[in-house]
Protein backbone atom coordinates (compact mmCIF):
# COMPACT_ATOMS: atom_id res chain seq x y z
CA UNK A 1 -0.12 -1.87 34.07
CA UNK A 2 -2.01 1.27 33.52
CA UNK A 3 1.27 3.11 32.98
CA UNK A 4 2.26 0.78 30.35
CA UNK A 5 -0.79 0.58 28.36
CA UNK A 6 -1.68 4.31 28.48
CA UNK A 7 0.60 5.32 25.76
CA UNK A 8 -0.75 2.79 23.41
CA UNK A 9 -4.21 3.54 24.03
CA UNK A 10 -3.47 7.16 23.06
CA UNK A 11 -1.83 5.74 20.10
CA UNK A 12 -5.17 4.09 19.03
CA UNK A 13 -7.00 7.40 19.66
CA UNK A 14 -4.47 8.94 17.31
CA UNK A 15 -5.41 5.97 14.75
CA UNK A 16 -8.85 7.28 14.71
CA UNK A 17 -7.97 10.69 13.68
CA UNK A 18 -7.08 9.48 10.45
CA UNK A 19 -10.61 8.57 9.67
CA UNK A 20 -11.54 12.15 9.68
CA UNK A 21 -10.81 12.27 6.09
CA UNK A 22 -14.42 11.16 5.43
CA UNK A 23 -15.98 14.09 7.13
CA UNK A 24 -13.36 16.29 5.33
CA UNK A 25 -14.87 15.53 1.90
CA UNK A 26 -18.03 17.66 2.55
CA UNK A 27 -16.23 20.17 4.74
CA UNK A 28 -13.56 21.07 1.96
CA UNK A 29 -16.03 20.63 -0.96
CA UNK A 30 -17.67 23.69 0.41
CA UNK A 31 -14.83 25.69 1.27
CA UNK A 32 -13.00 25.02 -1.99
CA UNK A 33 -16.01 24.65 -4.30
CA UNK A 34 -15.09 21.43 -5.60
CA UNK A 35 -17.15 18.84 -7.68
CA UNK A 36 -18.17 15.43 -5.98
CA UNK A 37 -15.28 13.70 -8.18
CA UNK A 38 -12.70 15.98 -7.11
CA UNK A 39 -13.85 16.05 -3.33
CA UNK A 40 -13.78 12.14 -3.36
CA UNK A 41 -9.92 12.45 -4.18
CA UNK A 42 -9.58 13.51 -0.52
CA UNK A 43 -9.86 9.91 0.67
CA UNK A 44 -8.11 8.66 -2.14
CA UNK A 45 -5.01 10.55 -1.23
CA UNK A 46 -5.31 9.69 2.45
CA UNK A 47 -6.24 5.86 2.06
CA UNK A 48 -4.00 5.26 -0.71
CA UNK A 49 -1.01 5.56 2.00
CA UNK A 50 -2.36 2.28 3.51
CA UNK A 51 -1.85 0.57 0.07
CA UNK A 52 1.86 1.97 -0.24
CA UNK A 53 3.02 1.75 3.23
CA UNK A 54 1.60 -1.31 5.13
CA UNK A 55 4.03 -4.05 4.09
CA UNK A 56 7.14 -1.88 3.72
CA UNK A 57 6.85 -0.76 7.22
CA UNK A 58 6.12 -4.30 8.47
CA UNK A 59 9.52 -5.05 7.07
CA UNK A 60 10.97 -2.02 8.62
CA UNK A 61 9.28 -2.79 11.91
CA UNK A 62 11.14 -6.31 11.99
CA UNK A 63 14.42 -4.47 11.92
CA UNK A 64 14.19 -1.32 13.83
CA UNK A 65 11.29 -2.30 16.49
CA UNK A 66 7.56 -1.33 16.96
CA UNK A 67 8.12 1.51 19.47
CA UNK A 68 10.40 3.38 16.47
CA UNK A 69 7.56 2.64 14.07
CA UNK A 70 4.81 4.06 16.52
CA UNK A 71 6.88 7.10 16.93
CA UNK A 72 7.36 7.48 13.27
CA UNK A 73 3.60 7.09 12.68
CA UNK A 74 3.12 9.88 15.38
CA UNK A 75 5.44 12.48 14.13
CA UNK A 76 4.39 12.09 10.29
CA UNK A 77 0.82 12.66 11.25
CA UNK A 78 1.84 15.56 13.66
CA UNK A 79 3.66 17.26 10.84
CA UNK A 80 0.68 17.04 8.66
CA UNK A 81 -1.61 18.53 11.43
CA UNK A 82 0.83 21.53 11.94
CA UNK A 83 0.82 22.27 8.35
CA UNK A 84 -3.02 22.72 8.66
CA UNK A 85 -3.01 24.36 11.98
CA UNK A 86 -2.21 27.90 10.92
CA UNK A 87 -4.92 28.10 8.33
CA UNK A 88 -5.41 26.36 4.96
CA UNK A 89 -5.50 28.86 1.93
CA UNK A 90 -5.21 26.32 -0.81
CA UNK A 91 -6.76 22.90 -1.83
CA UNK A 92 -3.15 21.42 -2.44
CA UNK A 93 -1.95 22.28 0.77
CA UNK A 94 -4.96 20.69 2.39
CA UNK A 95 -4.24 17.50 0.32
CA UNK A 96 -0.67 17.45 1.89
CA UNK A 97 -2.16 17.62 5.30
CA UNK A 98 -4.67 14.68 4.33
CA UNK A 99 -1.67 12.46 2.81
CA UNK A 100 0.61 13.22 6.03
CA UNK A 101 -2.34 12.37 8.53
CA UNK A 102 -3.27 9.20 6.82
CA UNK A 103 0.43 8.10 6.33
CA UNK A 104 0.76 8.44 10.19
CA UNK A 105 -2.47 6.51 10.67
CA UNK A 106 -1.30 3.62 8.41
CA UNK A 107 2.06 3.47 10.03
CA UNK A 108 0.14 3.34 13.53
CA UNK A 109 -2.10 0.48 12.18
CA UNK A 110 1.18 -1.54 11.54
CA UNK A 111 2.58 -1.07 14.89
CA UNK A 112 -0.43 -0.41 17.19
CA UNK A 113 -2.08 -3.92 17.16
CA UNK A 114 1.15 -6.01 17.96
CA UNK A 115 2.64 -3.56 20.50
CA UNK A 116 -0.55 -3.74 22.48
CA UNK A 117 0.41 -7.51 23.07
CA UNK A 118 3.70 -6.51 24.31
CA UNK A 119 2.38 -4.22 27.03
CA UNK A 120 -0.55 -6.46 28.16
CA UNK A 121 -0.61 -8.91 30.98
CA UNK A 122 -0.87 -12.49 30.14
CA UNK A 123 -4.28 -13.22 29.16
CA UNK A 124 -5.21 -9.55 28.86
CA UNK A 125 -4.50 -8.75 25.11
CA UNK A 126 -7.85 -9.63 23.57
CA UNK A 127 -9.40 -7.48 26.21
CA UNK A 128 -7.03 -4.69 25.60
CA UNK A 129 -7.01 -4.82 21.93
CA UNK A 130 -10.84 -4.65 21.94
CA UNK A 131 -10.71 -1.64 24.30
CA UNK A 132 -8.07 -0.26 21.79
CA UNK A 133 -10.54 -0.39 18.96
CA UNK A 134 -13.11 1.24 21.07
CA UNK A 135 -10.86 4.10 21.89
CA UNK A 136 -9.84 4.28 18.04
CA UNK A 137 -13.69 4.70 17.42
CA UNK A 138 -13.98 7.72 19.86
CA UNK A 139 -10.97 9.41 17.55
CA UNK A 140 -13.05 8.57 14.39
CA UNK A 141 -16.29 10.18 15.95
CA UNK A 142 -14.29 13.24 16.81
CA UNK A 143 -13.89 13.95 12.96
CA UNK A 144 -17.64 14.91 12.57
CA UNK A 145 -18.01 15.93 16.25
CA UNK A 146 -15.49 18.92 16.58
CA UNK A 147 -16.63 20.92 13.39
CA UNK A 148 -20.27 20.42 14.50
CA UNK A 149 -19.71 21.85 18.02
CA UNK A 150 -17.32 24.38 16.61
CA UNK A 151 -19.73 25.76 14.13
CA UNK A 152 -22.84 25.46 16.19
CA UNK A 153 -21.93 26.62 19.51
CA UNK A 154 -18.87 28.74 18.88
CA UNK A 155 -19.30 30.01 15.42
CA UNK A 156 -15.86 28.83 14.56
CA UNK A 157 -14.37 27.33 11.56
CA UNK A 158 -14.12 23.48 10.99
CA UNK A 159 -10.28 23.88 10.76
CA UNK A 160 -9.99 24.41 14.53
CA UNK A 161 -9.84 20.53 14.65
CA UNK A 162 -6.29 20.50 13.29
CA UNK A 163 -4.80 22.42 16.17
CA UNK A 164 -6.85 20.20 18.69
CA UNK A 165 -5.67 17.11 16.90
CA UNK A 166 -2.12 18.63 17.01
CA UNK A 167 -2.27 18.96 20.58
CA UNK A 168 -3.24 15.42 21.09
CA UNK A 169 -0.59 14.05 18.97
CA UNK A 170 1.99 16.02 20.75
CA UNK A 171 0.89 14.65 24.18
CA UNK A 172 0.85 11.03 22.66
CA UNK A 173 4.43 11.68 21.40
CA UNK A 174 5.63 12.40 24.73
CA UNK A 175 3.76 9.67 26.33
CA UNK A 176 5.07 7.09 24.00
CA UNK A 177 8.62 8.58 24.17
CA UNK A 178 8.81 8.75 28.01
CA UNK A 179 6.61 5.87 29.36
CA UNK A 180 6.52 3.10 26.72
CA UNK A 181 8.62 0.25 27.37
CA UNK A 182 8.74 -2.68 24.97
CA UNK A 183 10.85 -5.73 25.46
CA UNK A 184 12.13 -8.18 22.70
CA UNK A 185 11.03 -5.45 20.45
CA UNK A 186 13.61 -6.30 17.18
CA UNK A 187 13.42 -9.54 15.28
CA UNK A 188 10.85 -11.05 17.18
CA UNK A 189 9.18 -12.83 14.48
CA UNK A 190 9.52 -13.01 10.58
CA UNK A 191 8.11 -10.22 8.83
CA UNK A 192 5.59 -10.52 6.05
CA UNK A 193 7.25 -9.84 2.50
CA UNK A 194 5.71 -8.42 -0.59
CA UNK A 195 6.62 -11.64 -2.28
CA UNK A 196 4.93 -13.96 0.30
CA UNK A 197 1.83 -11.76 0.51
CA UNK A 198 1.26 -12.05 -3.39
CA UNK A 199 1.92 -15.45 -3.42
CA UNK A 200 -0.89 -15.91 -0.86
CA UNK A 201 -3.51 -14.44 -3.32
CA UNK A 202 -3.34 -17.47 -5.35
CA UNK A 203 -5.48 -18.96 -2.63
CA UNK A 204 -9.23 -18.23 -3.67
CA UNK A 205 -10.23 -18.02 -0.10
CA UNK A 206 -7.78 -15.34 0.88
CA UNK A 207 -8.39 -13.53 -2.27
CA UNK A 208 -12.20 -13.36 -1.34
CA UNK A 209 -11.39 -12.34 2.18
CA UNK A 210 -8.86 -9.71 1.34
CA UNK A 211 -11.40 -8.44 -1.26
CA UNK A 212 -14.03 -8.14 1.68
CA UNK A 213 -11.61 -5.85 3.54
CA UNK A 214 -11.36 -3.79 0.59
CA UNK A 215 -14.81 -3.51 -0.35
CA UNK A 216 -15.77 -2.73 3.35
CA UNK A 217 -13.43 -0.07 3.95
CA UNK A 218 -14.45 1.59 0.73
CA UNK A 219 -17.99 1.44 1.66
CA UNK A 220 -17.35 2.83 5.32
CA UNK A 221 -15.55 5.77 3.64
CA UNK A 222 -18.15 6.45 1.21
CA UNK A 223 -20.44 6.73 3.96
CA UNK A 224 -18.54 8.91 6.31
CA UNK A 225 -17.65 11.15 3.26
CA UNK A 226 -21.20 11.40 1.71
CA UNK A 227 -23.71 11.63 4.55
CA UNK A 228 -23.54 15.62 4.89
CA UNK A 229 -23.56 15.91 1.12
CA UNK A 230 -26.61 13.65 0.80
CA UNK A 231 -28.49 15.54 3.66
CA UNK A 232 -27.77 18.89 2.09
CA UNK A 233 -28.73 17.80 -1.41
CA UNK A 234 -31.84 15.67 -0.46
CA UNK A 235 -33.06 17.76 2.44
CA UNK A 236 -31.49 21.16 2.46
CA UNK A 237 -29.61 20.55 5.89
CA UNK A 238 -26.74 22.99 6.23
CA UNK A 239 -23.40 20.98 6.48
CA UNK A 240 -21.76 23.35 8.90
CA UNK A 241 -24.64 23.54 11.30
CA UNK A 242 -26.37 20.24 11.19
CA UNK A 243 -25.10 18.24 8.01
CA UNK A 244 -22.41 16.71 10.03
CA UNK A 245 -24.91 15.17 12.72
CA UNK A 246 -25.73 12.22 10.61
CA UNK A 247 -21.87 11.57 10.07
CA UNK A 248 -21.63 11.76 13.90
CA UNK A 249 -24.47 9.25 14.51
CA UNK A 250 -22.73 7.01 12.07
CA UNK A 251 -19.59 6.98 14.06
CA UNK A 252 -21.40 6.64 17.51
CA UNK A 253 -23.05 3.99 16.13
CA UNK A 254 -19.68 2.39 15.15
CA UNK A 255 -18.33 2.97 18.62
CA UNK A 256 -21.50 1.26 20.25
CA UNK A 257 -21.42 -1.53 17.75
CA UNK A 258 -17.71 -2.21 18.44
CA UNK A 259 -18.08 -2.18 22.02
CA UNK A 260 -21.04 -4.62 21.96
CA UNK A 261 -19.69 -6.90 19.38
CA UNK A 262 -17.39 -8.63 22.00
CA UNK A 263 -20.35 -9.23 23.98
CA UNK A 264 -22.49 -10.91 21.29
CA UNK A 265 -19.67 -13.10 20.08
CA UNK A 266 -19.59 -14.88 23.52
CA UNK A 267 -22.90 -16.59 22.31
CA UNK A 268 -23.10 -16.12 18.58
CA UNK A 269 -20.71 -17.86 15.97
CA UNK A 270 -18.57 -15.42 14.06
CA UNK A 271 -19.79 -16.72 10.62
CA UNK A 272 -23.48 -16.05 11.88
CA UNK A 273 -22.71 -12.82 13.31
CA UNK A 274 -21.11 -11.62 10.18
CA UNK A 275 -24.24 -12.57 8.22
CA UNK A 276 -26.46 -10.79 10.59
CA UNK A 277 -24.04 -7.47 10.42
CA UNK A 278 -24.07 -7.57 6.79
CA UNK A 279 -27.96 -7.78 6.51
CA UNK A 280 -28.46 -5.02 9.12
CA UNK A 281 -25.92 -2.69 6.87
CA UNK A 282 -28.04 -3.62 3.85
CA UNK A 283 -31.40 -2.46 5.59
CA UNK A 284 -29.82 0.70 6.66
CA UNK A 285 -28.65 1.53 3.28
CA UNK A 286 -31.79 0.85 1.68
CA UNK A 287 -33.23 3.16 4.50
CA UNK A 288 -31.31 6.13 3.01
CA UNK A 289 -33.85 6.09 0.23
CA UNK A 290 -36.68 6.85 2.39
CA UNK A 291 -38.57 10.31 1.99
CA UNK A 292 -38.01 12.06 5.23
CA UNK A 293 -35.04 13.47 6.78
CA UNK A 294 -35.75 11.77 10.09
CA UNK A 295 -35.75 8.28 8.51
CA UNK A 296 -32.82 8.89 6.67
CA UNK A 297 -30.78 9.94 9.67
CA UNK A 298 -32.06 7.14 11.64
CA UNK A 299 -30.89 4.97 8.61
CA UNK A 300 -27.34 6.31 9.13
CA UNK A 301 -27.25 5.22 12.53
CA UNK A 302 -28.44 1.60 11.50
CA UNK A 303 -25.78 1.45 8.76
CA UNK A 304 -23.02 2.33 11.47
CA UNK A 305 -24.40 -0.56 13.73
CA UNK A 306 -24.08 -2.86 10.84
CA UNK A 307 -20.73 -1.72 9.77
CA UNK A 308 -19.23 -1.86 13.38
CA UNK A 309 -17.86 -5.55 13.30
CA UNK A 310 -17.29 -6.30 9.75
CA UNK A 311 -13.66 -5.43 9.61
CA UNK A 312 -12.61 -7.47 12.61
CA UNK A 313 -14.94 -10.55 11.87
CA UNK A 314 -13.66 -10.84 8.43
CA UNK A 315 -9.96 -10.35 9.72
CA UNK A 316 -10.33 -12.74 12.59
CA UNK A 317 -12.17 -15.30 10.55
CA UNK A 318 -9.30 -15.56 7.73
CA UNK A 319 -6.31 -15.43 10.36
CA UNK A 320 -7.99 -18.26 12.40
CA UNK A 321 -8.58 -20.37 9.20
CA UNK A 322 -4.94 -19.84 8.07
CA UNK A 323 -2.94 -19.35 10.99
CA UNK A 324 0.24 -20.53 9.65
CA UNK A 325 -0.09 -17.42 7.24
CA UNK A 326 -0.71 -14.74 10.05
CA UNK A 327 1.97 -12.41 9.04
CA UNK A 328 1.16 -12.50 5.40
CA UNK A 329 -2.49 -12.07 6.01
CA UNK A 330 -1.91 -9.21 8.19
CA UNK A 331 -0.07 -7.53 5.56
CA UNK A 332 -2.77 -8.01 2.89
CA UNK A 333 -5.63 -7.15 5.27
CA UNK A 334 -3.98 -3.79 6.16
CA UNK A 335 -3.08 -3.10 2.60
CA UNK A 336 -6.59 -3.75 1.57
CA UNK A 337 -7.61 -0.63 3.55
CA UNK A 338 -6.67 0.92 0.34
CA UNK A 339 -10.23 0.31 -0.70
CA UNK A 340 -11.01 3.43 1.12
CA UNK A 341 -9.04 5.31 -1.72
CA UNK A 342 -10.90 3.68 -4.62
CA UNK A 343 -14.74 3.47 -3.91
CA UNK A 344 -15.29 6.96 -2.97
CA UNK A 345 -14.01 8.55 -6.18
CA UNK A 346 -16.37 6.05 -7.95
CA UNK A 347 -19.15 7.01 -5.96
CA UNK A 348 -18.41 10.77 -6.55
CA UNK A 349 -18.58 10.01 -10.47
CA UNK A 350 -21.76 8.31 -10.05
CA UNK A 351 -23.27 11.19 -7.81
CA UNK A 352 -21.92 13.77 -10.50
CA UNK A 353 -23.89 12.05 -13.23
CA UNK A 354 -27.09 11.17 -11.12
CA UNK A 355 -27.35 12.48 -7.35
CA UNK A 356 -25.62 11.58 -4.09
CA UNK A 357 -28.66 9.54 -3.25
CA UNK A 358 -28.07 7.24 -6.17
CA UNK A 359 -24.30 7.13 -5.40
CA UNK A 360 -25.11 5.22 -2.40
CA UNK A 361 -25.56 2.16 -4.83
CA UNK A 362 -21.77 1.78 -4.74
CA UNK A 363 -21.45 1.10 -1.13
CA UNK A 364 -24.70 -1.09 -1.25
CA UNK A 365 -23.00 -3.31 -3.94
CA UNK A 366 -19.71 -3.35 -1.91
CA UNK A 367 -21.62 -4.64 1.31
CA UNK A 368 -23.46 -7.23 -1.11
CA UNK A 369 -20.08 -8.67 -2.18
CA UNK A 370 -18.95 -8.86 1.63
CA UNK A 371 -22.14 -10.60 2.27
CA UNK A 372 -21.76 -13.16 -0.47
CA UNK A 373 -18.16 -13.85 0.89
CA UNK A 374 -19.43 -14.21 4.40
CA UNK A 375 -21.89 -16.86 3.34
CA UNK A 376 -19.97 -18.74 0.67
CA UNK A 377 -16.19 -18.27 1.07
CA UNK A 378 -14.61 -21.29 2.86
CA UNK A 379 -10.81 -22.22 3.21
CA UNK A 380 -9.63 -25.26 1.66
CA UNK A 381 -9.19 -26.94 5.02
CA UNK A 382 -12.92 -26.74 5.66
């Protein structure tokens, strides 16, 4: 059993590497001397891949199999990392790396969740999927951790993360290729199509829940991308040395929150838990406006705890409300991750015309929308 699931857990770890696009913003801004608005194009390039690839890859997966799609995502991400592993000299070459890394992550998202079911023993799928999301969060946390450790203790460039990621991806490709076996992989179920997905958006409840995913992911990327810039602008904290510590705390909080969320849901209803997590998120975001660095960094941790379970709560609530449209909802929800491409440039524009601190009004408004949807939106059957 461990041999069957091991390659999939490695793939979930690789999914998390795509979240490094957030910390990339502050690092690349310093190296390439970018404005806030131009730096925010980095997550736009990366997360736009989710909007472009999710549904088409679902259709392709139905025809060619989940293992094939999983391998395709790993190889595309690996090519992007190899492009950066020998040194980045231009901003455009860096954007190419971001595009390929997140294209691979988007494809891995399409294949990863269903393939975990194929390799899990009966009754173990929910547990393994929760563990997979936990492992993904570890990959996400490595985005700020590796540059922080490299700069603080080894006086190395933040770009050392690219060959480290490339080695991890190469090991994952080898493990998936040699160890992963998936039965009944092709034609197992009807895939969602572009037409069926768009038709479902005529349901106001579905539109509201897809919008919640869009705004949540946008808010999360705004946070991971702008925490170091915020700490530098407000408190003069050097990005290469300590600035990424705030982002690391944010991702650590996400990891802790995702691990503990499953426990809390044993005794709390999802709707109430969603309201609670949104409330914690808002408190944390308002805490960024406090006047001391210690309180602001603590607020980053609180925001991470609040954000941790919003995505799975919204996703699972929508699917359980409309189980007959699971395929279409899955396609729409993954496509809505494109919010990570739209909101950060908007925050960058606000920051350029005011300050990074004022720019956090953008994710605050986004979480306000998610809160309203969680409290008010109900399916027609309810």
